PDB file of N, CA and C in Angstrom:
ATOM      1  N   MET A   1      99.366 113.453 112.456  1.00  0.00           N
ATOM      2  CA  MET A   1      98.991 112.619 111.628  1.00  0.00           C
ATOM      3  C   MET A   1      98.177 111.669 112.309  1.00  0.00           C
ATOM      4  N   HIS A   2      97.118 111.187 112.064  1.00  0.00           N
ATOM      5  CA  HIS A   2      95.962 110.214 112.417  1.00  0.00           C
ATOM      6  C   HIS A   2      95.630 109.009 111.341  1.00  0.00           C
ATOM      7  N   PHE A   3      95.305 108.096 111.847  1.00  0.00           N
ATOM      8  CA  PHE A   3      94.796 106.802 111.093  1.00  0.00           C
ATOM      9  C   PHE A   3      93.514 106.646 111.356  1.00  0.00           C
ATOM     10  N   LEU A   4      92.923 106.217 110.100  1.00  0.00           N
ATOM     11  CA  LEU A   4      91.695 105.719 109.936  1.00  0.00           C
ATOM     12  C   LEU A   4      91.383 104.236 110.513  1.00  0.00           C
ATOM     13  N   TYR A   5      92.454 103.436 110.425  1.00  0.00           N
ATOM     14  CA  TYR A   5      92.269 102.243 110.990  1.00  0.00           C
ATOM     15  C   TYR A   5      93.520 101.959 111.777  1.00  0.00           C
ATOM     16  N   PRO A   6      93.568 102.374 113.051  1.00  0.00           N
ATOM     17  CA  PRO A   6      95.148 102.217 113.701  1.00  0.00           C
ATOM     18  C   PRO A   6      95.329 100.949 114.203  1.00  0.00           C
ATOM     19  N   THR A   7      94.295  99.961 114.234  1.00  0.00           N
ATOM     20  CA  THR A   7      94.477  98.647 114.677  1.00  0.00           C
ATOM     21  C   THR A   7      95.427  97.848 113.509  1.00  0.00           C
ATOM     22  N   PHE A   8      95.456  98.372 112.354  1.00  0.00           N
ATOM     23  CA  PHE A   8      96.416  97.708 111.595  1.00  0.00           C
ATOM     24  C   PHE A   8      97.821  98.123 111.757  1.00  0.00           C
ATOM     25  N   LEU A   9      98.157  98.867 112.703  1.00  0.00           N
ATOM     26  CA  LEU A   9      99.442  99.256 113.151  1.00  0.00           C
ATOM     27  C   LEU A   9     100.147  98.068 113.931  1.00  0.00           C
ATOM     28  N   TRP A  10      99.202  97.241 114.300  1.00  0.00           N
ATOM     29  CA  TRP A  10      99.740  96.122 115.218  1.00  0.00           C
ATOM     30  C   TRP A  10     100.314  95.081 114.300  1.00  0.00           C
ATOM     31  N   SER A  11     100.245  95.032 112.982  1.00  0.00           N
ATOM     32  CA  SER A  11     100.698  94.517 112.056  1.00  0.00           C
ATOM     33  C   SER A  11     102.075  94.674 111.791  1.00  0.00           C
ATOM     34  N   LEU A  12     102.536  95.783 112.430  1.00  0.00           N
ATOM     35  CA  LEU A  12     103.910  96.178 112.295  1.00  0.00           C
ATOM     36  C   LEU A  12     105.011  95.160 113.053  1.00  0.00           C
ATOM     37  N   SER A  13     104.411  94.354 113.799  1.00  0.00           N
ATOM     38  CA  SER A  13     105.054  93.142 114.645  1.00  0.00           C
ATOM     39  C   SER A  13     105.557  92.243 113.403  1.00  0.00           C
ATOM     40  N   ALA A  14     104.841  92.155 112.361  1.00  0.00           N
ATOM     41  CA  ALA A  14     105.367  91.408 111.069  1.00  0.00           C
ATOM     42  C   ALA A  14     106.745  91.545 110.621  1.00  0.00           C
ATOM     43  N   LEU A  15     107.311  92.822 110.944  1.00  0.00           N
ATOM     44  CA  LEU A  15     108.468  93.189 110.696  1.00  0.00           C
ATOM     45  C   LEU A  15     109.679  92.340 111.323  1.00  0.00           C
ATOM     46  N   ALA A  16     109.216  91.587 112.295  1.00  0.00           N
ATOM     47  CA  ALA A  16     110.325  90.698 112.981  1.00  0.00           C
ATOM     48  C   ALA A  16     110.459  89.477 111.988  1.00  0.00           C
ATOM     49  N   ILE A  17     109.545  89.067 111.233  1.00  0.00           N
ATOM     50  CA  ILE A  17     109.733  87.676 110.606  1.00  0.00           C
ATOM     51  C   ILE A  17     110.950  87.739 109.583  1.00  0.00           C
ATOM     52  N   PRO A  18     111.018  88.871 108.659  1.00  0.00           N
ATOM     53  CA  PRO A  18     112.242  88.821 107.773  1.00  0.00           C
ATOM     54  C   PRO A  18     113.397  88.882 108.518  1.00  0.00           C
ATOM     55  N   VAL A  19     113.555  89.576 109.819  1.00  0.00           N
ATOM     56  CA  VAL A  19     114.782  89.651 110.464  1.00  0.00           C
ATOM     57  C   VAL A  19     114.953  88.173 111.001  1.00  0.00           C
ATOM     58  N   ILE A  20     114.211  87.823 111.406  1.00  0.00           N
ATOM     59  CA  ILE A  20     114.482  86.173 112.120  1.00  0.00           C
ATOM     60  C   ILE A  20     114.920  85.070 111.044  1.00  0.00           C
ATOM     61  N   ILE A  21     114.296  85.266 109.844  1.00  0.00           N
ATOM     62  CA  ILE A  21     114.766  84.576 108.618  1.00  0.00           C
ATOM     63  C   ILE A  21     116.086  84.835 108.308  1.00  0.00           C
ATOM     64  N   HIS A  22     116.329  86.096 108.542  1.00  0.00           N
ATOM     65  CA  HIS A  22     117.847  86.729 108.060  1.00  0.00           C
ATOM     66  C   HIS A  22     118.671  86.237 108.722  1.00  0.00           C
ATOM     67  N   LEU A  23     118.498  86.323 110.182  1.00  0.00           N
ATOM     68  CA  LEU A  23     119.477  85.976 111.286  1.00  0.00           C
ATOM     69  C   LEU A  23     119.725  84.430 111.281  1.00  0.00           C
ATOM     70  N   PHE A  24     118.537  83.600 111.281  1.00  0.00           N
ATOM     71  CA  PHE A  24     118.779  82.272 111.490  1.00  0.00           C
ATOM     72  C   PHE A  24     119.241  81.371 109.780  1.00  0.00           C
ATOM     73  N   SER A  25     118.939  82.442 108.999  1.00  0.00           N
ATOM     74  CA  SER A  25     118.915  81.777 107.211  1.00  0.00           C
ATOM     75  C   SER A  25     119.174  80.517 107.267  1.00  0.00           C
ATOM     76  N   PHE A  26     118.179  79.885 106.974  1.00  0.00           N
ATOM     77  CA  PHE A  26     117.809  78.463 106.871  1.00  0.00           C
ATOM     78  C   PHE A  26     118.354  77.748 105.695  1.00  0.00           C
ATOM     79  N   ARG A  27     119.471  78.322 105.189  1.00  0.00           N
ATOM     80  CA  ARG A  27     120.061  77.696 103.980  1.00  0.00           C
ATOM     81  C   ARG A  27     120.825  76.529 104.447  1.00  0.00           C
ATOM     82  N   ARG A  28     120.806  75.224 103.626  1.00  0.00           N
ATOM     83  CA  ARG A  28     121.713  74.164 103.839  1.00  0.00           C
ATOM     84  C   ARG A  28     122.628  74.217 102.724  1.00  0.00           C
ATOM     85  N   TYR A  29     123.875  73.945 103.058  1.00  0.00           N
ATOM     86  CA  TYR A  29     124.969  74.014 102.200  1.00  0.00           C
ATOM     87  C   TYR A  29     125.329  72.548 101.912  1.00  0.00           C
ATOM     88  N   LYS A  30     125.808  72.607 100.781  1.00  0.00           N
ATOM     89  CA  LYS A  30     126.032  71.129 100.134  1.00  0.00           C
ATOM     90  C   LYS A  30     127.556  71.151 100.129  1.00  0.00           C
ATOM     91  N   LYS A  31     128.494  70.274 100.602  1.00  0.00           N
ATOM     92  CA  LYS A  31     129.689  70.025 100.791  1.00  0.00           C
ATOM     93  C   LYS A  31     130.199  69.427  99.388  1.00  0.00           C
ATOM     94  N   VAL A  32     131.207  70.284  98.772  1.00  0.00           N
ATOM     95  CA  VAL A  32     131.742  69.652  97.677  1.00  0.00           C
ATOM     96  C   VAL A  32     133.025  69.536  97.748  1.00  0.00           C
ATOM     97  N   TYR A  33     133.849  68.682  97.587  1.00  0.00           N
ATOM     98  CA  TYR A  33     135.556  68.467  97.890  1.00  0.00           C
ATOM     99  C   TYR A  33     135.932  68.935  96.640  1.00  0.00           C
ATOM    100  N   PHE A  34     137.115  69.761  97.015  1.00  0.00           N
ATOM    101  CA  PHE A  34     137.875  70.674  95.955  1.00  0.00           C
ATOM    102  C   PHE A  34     139.385  70.627  96.366  1.00  0.00           C
ATOM    103  N   THR A  35     140.215  70.454  95.260  1.00  0.00           N
ATOM    104  CA  THR A  35     141.680  70.056  95.610  1.00  0.00           C
ATOM    105  C   THR A  35     142.194  71.448  96.102  1.00  0.00           C
ATOM    106  N   ASN A  36     142.106  72.485  95.657  1.00  0.00           N
ATOM    107  CA  ASN A  36     142.982  73.970  95.942  1.00  0.00           C
ATOM    108  C   ASN A  36     142.019  74.564  96.975  1.00  0.00           C
ATOM    109  N   VAL A  37     141.786  74.068  98.042  1.00  0.00           N
ATOM    110  CA  VAL A  37     141.067  74.910  99.114  1.00  0.00           C
ATOM    111  C   VAL A  37     141.486  76.523  99.270  1.00  0.00           C
ATOM    112  N   GLN A  38     142.771  76.865  99.088  1.00  0.00           N
ATOM    113  CA  GLN A  38     143.335  78.085  99.391  1.00  0.00           C
ATOM    114  C   GLN A  38     142.778  79.038  98.425  1.00  0.00           C
ATOM    115  N   PHE A  39     142.498  78.577  97.157  1.00  0.00           N
ATOM    116  CA  PHE A  39     142.001  79.563  96.063  1.00  0.00           C
ATOM    117  C   PHE A  39     140.593  79.996  96.478  1.00  0.00           C
ATOM    118  N   LEU A  40     139.789  78.978  97.045  1.00  0.00           N
ATOM    119  CA  LEU A  40     138.456  79.120  97.410  1.00  0.00           C
ATOM    120  C   LEU A  40     138.417  80.132  98.363  1.00  0.00           C
ATOM    121  N   GLN A  41     139.175  80.111  99.417  1.00  0.00           N
ATOM    122  CA  GLN A  41     139.282  80.822 100.795  1.00  0.00           C
ATOM    123  C   GLN A  41     139.729  82.339 100.008  1.00  0.00           C
ATOM    124  N   GLU A  42     140.469  82.264  99.161  1.00  0.00           N
ATOM    125  CA  GLU A  42     140.619  83.992  98.664  1.00  0.00           C
ATOM    126  C   GLU A  42     139.646  84.593  98.022  1.00  0.00           C
ATOM    127  N   VAL A  43     138.891  83.575  97.165  1.00  0.00           N
ATOM    128  CA  VAL A  43     137.716  83.972  96.674  1.00  0.00           C
ATOM    129  C   VAL A  43     136.696  84.528  97.483  1.00  0.00           C
ATOM    130  N   GLU A  44     136.369  83.648  98.641  1.00  0.00           N
ATOM    131  CA  GLU A  44     135.458  84.065  99.568  1.00  0.00           C
ATOM    132  C   GLU A  44     135.631  85.083 100.484  1.00  0.00           C
ATOM    133  N   LEU A  45     136.814  85.440 100.616  1.00  0.00           N
ATOM    134  CA  LEU A  45     137.224  86.627 101.265  1.00  0.00           C
ATOM    135  C   LEU A  45     136.863  87.915 100.463  1.00  0.00           C
ATOM    136  N   GLN A  46     137.063  87.901  99.167  1.00  0.00           N
ATOM    137  CA  GLN A  46     136.888  88.824  98.299  1.00  0.00           C
ATOM    138  C   GLN A  46     135.382  89.115  98.149  1.00  0.00           C
ATOM    139  N   GLN A  47     134.717  88.502  98.248  1.00  0.00           N
ATOM    140  CA  GLN A  47     133.123  88.557  97.867  1.00  0.00           C
ATOM    141  C   GLN A  47     132.296  88.488  99.152  1.00  0.00           C
ATOM    142  N   SER A  48     132.822  88.198 100.334  1.00  0.00           N
ATOM    143  CA  SER A  48     132.124  88.246 101.387  1.00  0.00           C
ATOM    144  C   SER A  48     131.491  89.526 101.869  1.00  0.00           C
ATOM    145  N   GLY A  49     132.516  90.886 101.473  1.00  0.00           N
ATOM    146  CA  GLY A  49     131.957  92.268 101.885  1.00  0.00           C
ATOM    147  C   GLY A  49     130.560  92.433 100.758  1.00  0.00           C
ATOM    148  N   ARG A  50     130.844  92.086  99.769  1.00  0.00           N
ATOM    149  CA  ARG A  50     129.548  92.326  98.943  1.00  0.00           C
ATOM    150  C   ARG A  50     128.657  91.547  99.116  1.00  0.00           C
ATOM    151  N   ARG A  51     128.576  90.366  99.404  1.00  0.00           N
ATOM    152  CA  ARG A  51     127.446  89.651  99.911  1.00  0.00           C
ATOM    153  C   ARG A  51     126.804  90.015 101.060  1.00  0.00           C
ATOM    154  N   ASN A  52     127.488  90.537 102.155  1.00  0.00           N
ATOM    155  CA  ASN A  52     126.932  91.129 103.189  1.00  0.00           C
ATOM    156  C   ASN A  52     126.273  92.346 103.057  1.00  0.00           C
ATOM    157  N   LEU A  53     126.730  93.254 102.334  1.00  0.00           N
ATOM    158  CA  LEU A  53     125.957  94.457 101.847  1.00  0.00           C
ATOM    159  C   LEU A  53     124.778  93.935 100.889  1.00  0.00           C
ATOM    160  N   ARG A  54     124.828  93.476 100.074  1.00  0.00           N
ATOM    161  CA  ARG A  54     123.808  92.720  99.211  1.00  0.00           C
ATOM    162  C   ARG A  54     122.595  92.440 100.272  1.00  0.00           C
ATOM    163  N   GLU A  55     122.919  91.535 101.193  1.00  0.00           N
ATOM    164  CA  GLU A  55     121.983  90.827 101.935  1.00  0.00           C
ATOM    165  C   GLU A  55     121.233  91.991 103.039  1.00  0.00           C
ATOM    166  N   ARG A  56     121.933  92.721 103.395  1.00  0.00           N
ATOM    167  CA  ARG A  56     121.571  93.769 104.237  1.00  0.00           C
ATOM    168  C   ARG A  56     120.620  94.690 103.359  1.00  0.00           C
ATOM    169  N   LEU A  57     120.932  94.993 102.211  1.00  0.00           N
ATOM    170  CA  LEU A  57     120.244  95.946 101.297  1.00  0.00           C
ATOM    171  C   LEU A  57     118.760  94.996 100.896  1.00  0.00           C
ATOM    172  N   ILE A  58     118.778  93.951 100.958  1.00  0.00           N
ATOM    173  CA  ILE A  58     117.405  93.132 100.692  1.00  0.00           C
ATOM    174  C   ILE A  58     116.826  92.983 101.898  1.00  0.00           C
ATOM    175  N   LEU A  59     117.432  92.972 102.875  1.00  0.00           N
ATOM    176  CA  LEU A  59     116.692  92.898 104.198  1.00  0.00           C
ATOM    177  C   LEU A  59     115.884  94.120 104.620  1.00  0.00           C
ATOM    178  N   ILE A  60     116.622  95.375 104.203  1.00  0.00           N
ATOM    179  CA  ILE A  60     116.028  96.606 104.350  1.00  0.00           C
ATOM    180  C   ILE A  60     114.981  96.793 103.403  1.00  0.00           C
ATOM    181  N   SER A  61     115.076  96.544 102.342  1.00  0.00           N
ATOM    182  CA  SER A  61     114.026  96.807 101.169  1.00  0.00           C
ATOM    183  C   SER A  61     112.804  95.803 101.779  1.00  0.00           C
ATOM    184  N   ARG A  62     113.016  94.567 102.104  1.00  0.00           N
ATOM    185  CA  ARG A  62     111.896  93.798 102.718  1.00  0.00           C
ATOM    186  C   ARG A  62     111.184  94.460 103.760  1.00  0.00           C
ATOM    187  N   LEU A  63     111.992  94.961 104.873  1.00  0.00           N
ATOM    188  CA  LEU A  63     111.349  95.851 105.945  1.00  0.00           C
ATOM    189  C   LEU A  63     110.453  96.901 105.475  1.00  0.00           C
ATOM    190  N   LEU A  64     111.237  97.736 104.750  1.00  0.00           N
ATOM    191  CA  LEU A  64     110.181  98.605 104.330  1.00  0.00           C
ATOM    192  C   LEU A  64     109.218  98.359 103.353  1.00  0.00           C
ATOM    193  N   MET A  65     109.016  97.377 102.782  1.00  0.00           N
ATOM    194  CA  MET A  65     108.024  97.234 101.945  1.00  0.00           C
ATOM    195  C   MET A  65     106.801  96.672 102.967  1.00  0.00           C
ATOM    196  N   ILE A  66     107.124  95.977 104.020  1.00  0.00           N
ATOM    197  CA  ILE A  66     106.132  95.526 104.953  1.00  0.00           C
ATOM    198  C   ILE A  66     105.625  96.774 105.600  1.00  0.00           C
ATOM    199  N   CYS A  67     106.452  97.585 106.058  1.00  0.00           N
ATOM    200  CA  CYS A  67     106.270  98.797 106.897  1.00  0.00           C
ATOM    201  C   CYS A  67     105.229  99.722 106.137  1.00  0.00           C
ATOM    202  N   PHE A  68     105.621 100.116 104.761  1.00  0.00           N
ATOM    203  CA  PHE A  68     104.555 100.615 103.696  1.00  0.00           C
ATOM    204  C   PHE A  68     103.248 100.124 103.482  1.00  0.00           C
ATOM    205  N   LEU A  69     103.287  98.759 103.502  1.00  0.00           N
ATOM    206  CA  LEU A  69     101.954  98.125 103.210  1.00  0.00           C
ATOM    207  C   LEU A  69     101.252  98.250 104.555  1.00  0.00           C
ATOM    208  N   VAL A  70     101.784  98.080 105.683  1.00  0.00           N
ATOM    209  CA  VAL A  70     100.920  98.031 106.770  1.00  0.00           C
ATOM    210  C   VAL A  70     100.406  99.630 107.063  1.00  0.00           C
ATOM    211  N   LEU A  71     101.228 100.669 106.649  1.00  0.00           N
ATOM    212  CA  LEU A  71     100.891 101.856 106.782  1.00  0.00           C
ATOM    213  C   LEU A  71      99.848 102.286 105.716  1.00  0.00           C
ATOM    214  N   ALA A  72      99.885 101.731 104.689  1.00  0.00           N
ATOM    215  CA  ALA A  72      98.897 101.835 103.476  1.00  0.00           C
ATOM    216  C   ALA A  72      97.408 101.514 104.026  1.00  0.00           C
ATOM    217  N   PHE A  73      97.585 100.280 104.792  1.00  0.00           N
ATOM    218  CA  PHE A  73      96.304  99.794 105.125  1.00  0.00           C
ATOM    219  C   PHE A  73      95.604 100.592 106.321  1.00  0.00           C
ATOM    220  N   ALA A  74      96.418 101.163 107.060  1.00  0.00           N
ATOM    221  CA  ALA A  74      96.130 101.888 108.293  1.00  0.00           C
ATOM    222  C   ALA A  74      95.511 103.399 107.803  1.00  0.00           C
ATOM    223  N   GLN A  75      95.801 103.716 106.697  1.00  0.00           N
ATOM    224  CA  GLN A  75      95.418 104.993 105.942  1.00  0.00           C
ATOM    225  C   GLN A  75      95.522 106.250 106.742  1.00  0.00           C
ATOM    226  N   PRO A  76      96.941 106.626 106.899  1.00  0.00           N
ATOM    227  CA  PRO A  76      97.228 107.688 107.587  1.00  0.00           C
ATOM    228  C   PRO A  76      96.507 109.052 106.766  1.00  0.00           C
ATOM    229  N   TYR A  77      96.212 109.953 107.665  1.00  0.00           N
ATOM    230  CA  TYR A  77      95.634 111.386 107.234  1.00  0.00           C
ATOM    231  C   TYR A  77      96.071 112.332 107.858  1.00  0.00           C
ATOM    232  N   ILE A  78      96.221 113.559 107.607  1.00  0.00           N
ATOM    233  CA  ILE A  78      96.373 114.720 108.403  1.00  0.00           C
ATOM    234  C   ILE A  78      95.001 115.500 108.480  1.00  0.00           C
ATOM    235  N   PRO A  79      94.480 115.724 109.615  1.00  0.00           N
ATOM    236  CA  PRO A  79      93.036 116.369 109.872  1.00  0.00           C
ATOM    237  C   PRO A  79      93.305 117.830 109.410  1.00  0.00           C
ATOM    238  N   GLY A  80      92.232 118.289 108.929  1.00  0.00           N
ATOM    239  CA  GLY A  80      92.176 119.780 108.542  1.00  0.00           C
ATOM    240  C   GLY A  80      91.671 120.694 109.729  1.00  0.00           C
ATOM    241  N   LYS A  81      92.243 121.752 109.838  1.00  0.00           N
ATOM    242  CA  LYS A  81      91.651 122.620 111.064  1.00  0.00           C
ATOM    243  C   LYS A  81      90.246 123.032 110.969  1.00  0.00           C
ATOM    244  N   ASP A  82      89.784 123.330 109.848  1.00  0.00           N
ATOM    245  CA  ASP A  82      88.302 123.684 109.828  1.00  0.00           C
ATOM    246  C   ASP A  82      87.405 122.242 109.628  1.00  0.00           C
ATOM    247  N   ALA A  83      87.879 121.359 109.467  1.00  0.00           N
ATOM    248  CA  ALA A  83      87.207 120.090 109.151  1.00  0.00           C
ATOM    249  C   ALA A  83      87.208 119.071 110.263  1.00  0.00           C
ATOM    250  N   PRO A  84      86.184 119.162 111.316  1.00  0.00           N
ATOM    251  CA  PRO A  84      86.352 118.071 112.529  1.00  0.00           C
ATOM    252  C   PRO A  84      86.237 116.787 112.030  1.00  0.00           C
ATOM    253  N   THR A  85      85.463 116.432 110.981  1.00  0.00           N
ATOM    254  CA  THR A  85      85.152 115.078 110.656  1.00  0.00           C
ATOM    255  C   THR A  85      85.887 114.520 109.320  1.00  0.00           C
ATOM    256  N   ALA A  86      87.194 115.220 109.431  1.00  0.00           N
ATOM    257  CA  ALA A  86      87.893 114.546 108.223  1.00  0.00           C
ATOM    258  C   ALA A  86      88.421 113.270 108.470  1.00  0.00           C
ATOM    259  N   GLY A  87      88.624 112.551 107.387  1.00  0.00           N
ATOM    260  CA  GLY A  87      88.719 110.987 107.563  1.00  0.00           C
ATOM    261  C   GLY A  87      87.449 110.226 107.764  1.00  0.00           C
ATOM    262  N   LYS A  88      86.624 110.877 107.996  1.00  0.00           N
ATOM    263  CA  LYS A  88      85.221 110.103 108.053  1.00  0.00           C
ATOM    264  C   LYS A  88      84.262 110.228 107.099  1.00  0.00           C
ATOM    265  N   GLN A  89      84.750 110.500 105.903  1.00  0.00           N
ATOM    266  CA  GLN A  89      83.814 110.613 104.725  1.00  0.00           C
ATOM    267  C   GLN A  89      83.092 109.437 104.433  1.00  0.00           C
ATOM    268  N   GLN A  90      82.063 109.445 103.835  1.00  0.00           N
ATOM    269  CA  GLN A  90      81.283 108.319 103.337  1.00  0.00           C
ATOM    270  C   GLN A  90      81.213 108.264 101.957  1.00  0.00           C
ATOM    271  N   VAL A  91      81.652 107.182 101.502  1.00  0.00           N
ATOM    272  CA  VAL A  91      81.897 106.702 100.230  1.00  0.00           C
ATOM    273  C   VAL A  91      80.665 105.919  99.567  1.00  0.00           C
ATOM    274  N   ILE A  92      80.151 106.277  98.483  1.00  0.00           N
ATOM    275  CA  ILE A  92      79.040 105.313  97.874  1.00  0.00           C
ATOM    276  C   ILE A  92      79.457 104.943  96.482  1.00  0.00           C
ATOM    277  N   SER A  93      79.412 103.785  96.155  1.00  0.00           N
ATOM    278  CA  SER A  93      79.867 103.169  95.064  1.00  0.00           C
ATOM    279  C   SER A  93      78.677 102.542  94.275  1.00  0.00           C
ATOM    280  N   ILE A  94      78.753 102.537  93.056  1.00  0.00           N
ATOM    281  CA  ILE A  94      77.514 101.763  92.175  1.00  0.00           C
ATOM    282  C   ILE A  94      78.291 101.022  91.313  1.00  0.00           C
ATOM    283  N   PHE A  95      77.938  99.893  90.992  1.00  0.00           N
ATOM    284  CA  PHE A  95      78.530  98.834  90.431  1.00  0.00           C
ATOM    285  C   PHE A  95      77.562  98.356  89.200  1.00  0.00           C
ATOM    286  N   VAL A  96      78.151  98.306  87.940  1.00  0.00           N
ATOM    287  CA  VAL A  96      76.980  98.031  86.829  1.00  0.00           C
ATOM    288  C   VAL A  96      77.657  97.154  86.406  1.00  0.00           C
ATOM    289  N   ASP A  97      76.778  95.983  85.888  1.00  0.00           N
ATOM    290  CA  ASP A  97      77.267  94.531  85.268  1.00  0.00           C
ATOM    291  C   ASP A  97      77.487  94.863  83.768  1.00  0.00           C
ATOM    292  N   ASN A  98      78.596  94.595  83.128  1.00  0.00           N
ATOM    293  CA  ASN A  98      78.743  94.875  81.688  1.00  0.00           C
ATOM    294  C   ASN A  98      78.979  93.539  81.080  1.00  0.00           C
ATOM    295  N   SER A  99      78.435  92.427  81.581  1.00  0.00           N
ATOM    296  CA  SER A  99      79.117  91.254  80.859  1.00  0.00           C
ATOM    297  C   SER A  99      77.992  90.807  79.933  1.00  0.00           C
ATOM    298  N   TYR A 100      78.302  89.905  79.135  1.00  0.00           N
ATOM    299  CA  TYR A 100      77.539  89.620  77.796  1.00  0.00           C
ATOM    300  C   TYR A 100      75.974  89.419  78.033  1.00  0.00           C
ATOM    301  N   SER A 101      75.603  88.945  79.124  1.00  0.00           N
ATOM    302  CA  SER A 101      74.145  88.857  79.352  1.00  0.00           C
ATOM    303  C   SER A 101      73.391  90.192  79.522  1.00  0.00           C
ATOM    304  N   MET A 102      74.074  91.187  79.767  1.00  0.00           N
ATOM    305  CA  MET A 102      73.653  92.564  79.970  1.00  0.00           C
ATOM    306  C   MET A 102      73.363  93.251  78.317  1.00  0.00           C
ATOM    307  N   GLN A 103      73.657  92.674  77.285  1.00  0.00           N
ATOM    308  CA  GLN A 103      73.714  92.989  76.070  1.00  0.00           C
ATOM    309  C   GLN A 103      72.046  92.488  75.453  1.00  0.00           C
ATOM    310  N   THR A 104      71.622  91.991  76.033  1.00  0.00           N
ATOM    311  CA  THR A 104      70.023  91.387  75.874  1.00  0.00           C
ATOM    312  C   THR A 104      69.337  92.617  75.668  1.00  0.00           C
ATOM    313  N   ILE A 105      68.602  92.709  74.502  1.00  0.00           N
ATOM    314  CA  ILE A 105      67.669  93.579  74.137  1.00  0.00           C
ATOM    315  C   ILE A 105      66.159  93.302  74.231  1.00  0.00           C
ATOM    316  N   ASN A 106      65.526  94.274  74.767  1.00  0.00           N
ATOM    317  CA  ASN A 106      64.074  94.305  75.156  1.00  0.00           C
ATOM    318  C   ASN A 106      63.412  95.351  74.598  1.00  0.00           C
ATOM    319  N   LYS A 107      62.133  95.833  74.978  1.00  0.00           N
ATOM    320  CA  LYS A 107      61.389  96.912  74.419  1.00  0.00           C
ATOM    321  C   LYS A 107      62.007  98.104  74.778  1.00  0.00           C
ATOM    322  N   GLU A 108      62.784  98.539  75.685  1.00  0.00           N
ATOM    323  CA  GLU A 108      63.097  99.652  76.163  1.00  0.00           C
ATOM    324  C   GLU A 108      64.750  99.780  75.798  1.00  0.00           C
ATOM    325  N   GLY A 109      65.351  98.882  75.130  1.00  0.00           N
ATOM    326  CA  GLY A 109      66.842  98.784  74.697  1.00  0.00           C
ATOM    327  C   GLY A 109      67.519  97.731  75.363  1.00  0.00           C
ATOM    328  N   THR A 110      68.843  97.855  75.318  1.00  0.00           N
ATOM    329  CA  THR A 110      69.778  96.949  76.152  1.00  0.00           C
ATOM    330  C   THR A 110      69.649  97.019  77.480  1.00  0.00           C
ATOM    331  N   LEU A 111      69.897  95.867  78.222  1.00  0.00           N
ATOM    332  CA  LEU A 111      69.601  95.955  79.666  1.00  0.00           C
ATOM    333  C   LEU A 111      70.984  96.795  80.388  1.00  0.00           C
ATOM    334  N   LEU A 112      71.850  96.829  79.666  1.00  0.00           N
ATOM    335  CA  LEU A 112      73.105  97.753  80.196  1.00  0.00           C
ATOM    336  C   LEU A 112      72.624  99.119  79.938  1.00  0.00           C
ATOM    337  N   GLY A 113      71.852  99.666  78.874  1.00  0.00           N
ATOM    338  CA  GLY A 113      71.504 100.996  78.683  1.00  0.00           C
ATOM    339  C   GLY A 113      70.573 101.340  79.914  1.00  0.00           C
ATOM    340  N   GLN A 114      69.765 100.354  80.254  1.00  0.00           N
ATOM    341  CA  GLN A 114      68.604 100.685  81.282  1.00  0.00           C
ATOM    342  C   GLN A 114      69.335 100.759  82.661  1.00  0.00           C
ATOM    343  N   ALA A 115      70.307  99.815  82.912  1.00  0.00           N
ATOM    344  CA  ALA A 115      71.149  99.915  84.183  1.00  0.00           C
ATOM    345  C   ALA A 115      71.953 101.185  84.267  1.00  0.00           C
ATOM    346  N   LYS A 116      72.476 101.765  83.280  1.00  0.00           N
ATOM    347  CA  LYS A 116      72.952 103.040  83.338  1.00  0.00           C
ATOM    348  C   LYS A 116      72.262 104.183  83.417  1.00  0.00           C
ATOM    349  N   GLU A 117      70.839 104.059  83.200  1.00  0.00           N
ATOM    350  CA  GLU A 117      70.095 105.197  83.626  1.00  0.00           C
ATOM    351  C   GLU A 117      69.857 105.120  84.954  1.00  0.00           C
TER     352      GLU A 117
END
C-alpha cells in the first residue's frame, strides 16, 4: 500500500492528544456533603466498572476517528501491476455558476445556457 500524500502521516502524532486528556482528565469535582457516605461508596463500587469500560470505549473510538481521518487525508492506494503511474492521475474540474445572476437573458439565451455550452 502506498500513499499519495505520505506527509499527512505525521499527523498521527495527534493521537497522543486524546490519550493525554484521558490520563489527566481535567475534571473538577465539586464536594457535596452527604450524611450516609457508606451508601455512596457502595454505589460508586458498583458503577466504577461500567464507567471505566465506557471511558475506555470512548477513548478508543476517538483514537480510531483521528487515525481514519489522517489516513483519509494521506489517500492510500494499491498500485496496479501494469500501471506504473497509478495514483498520479490528473483530475480536471469545471465549475459553472448557477446563481440568480446567470438567469439573465441576452440575444443567445440565458448566461447559464451559454456557460453549459
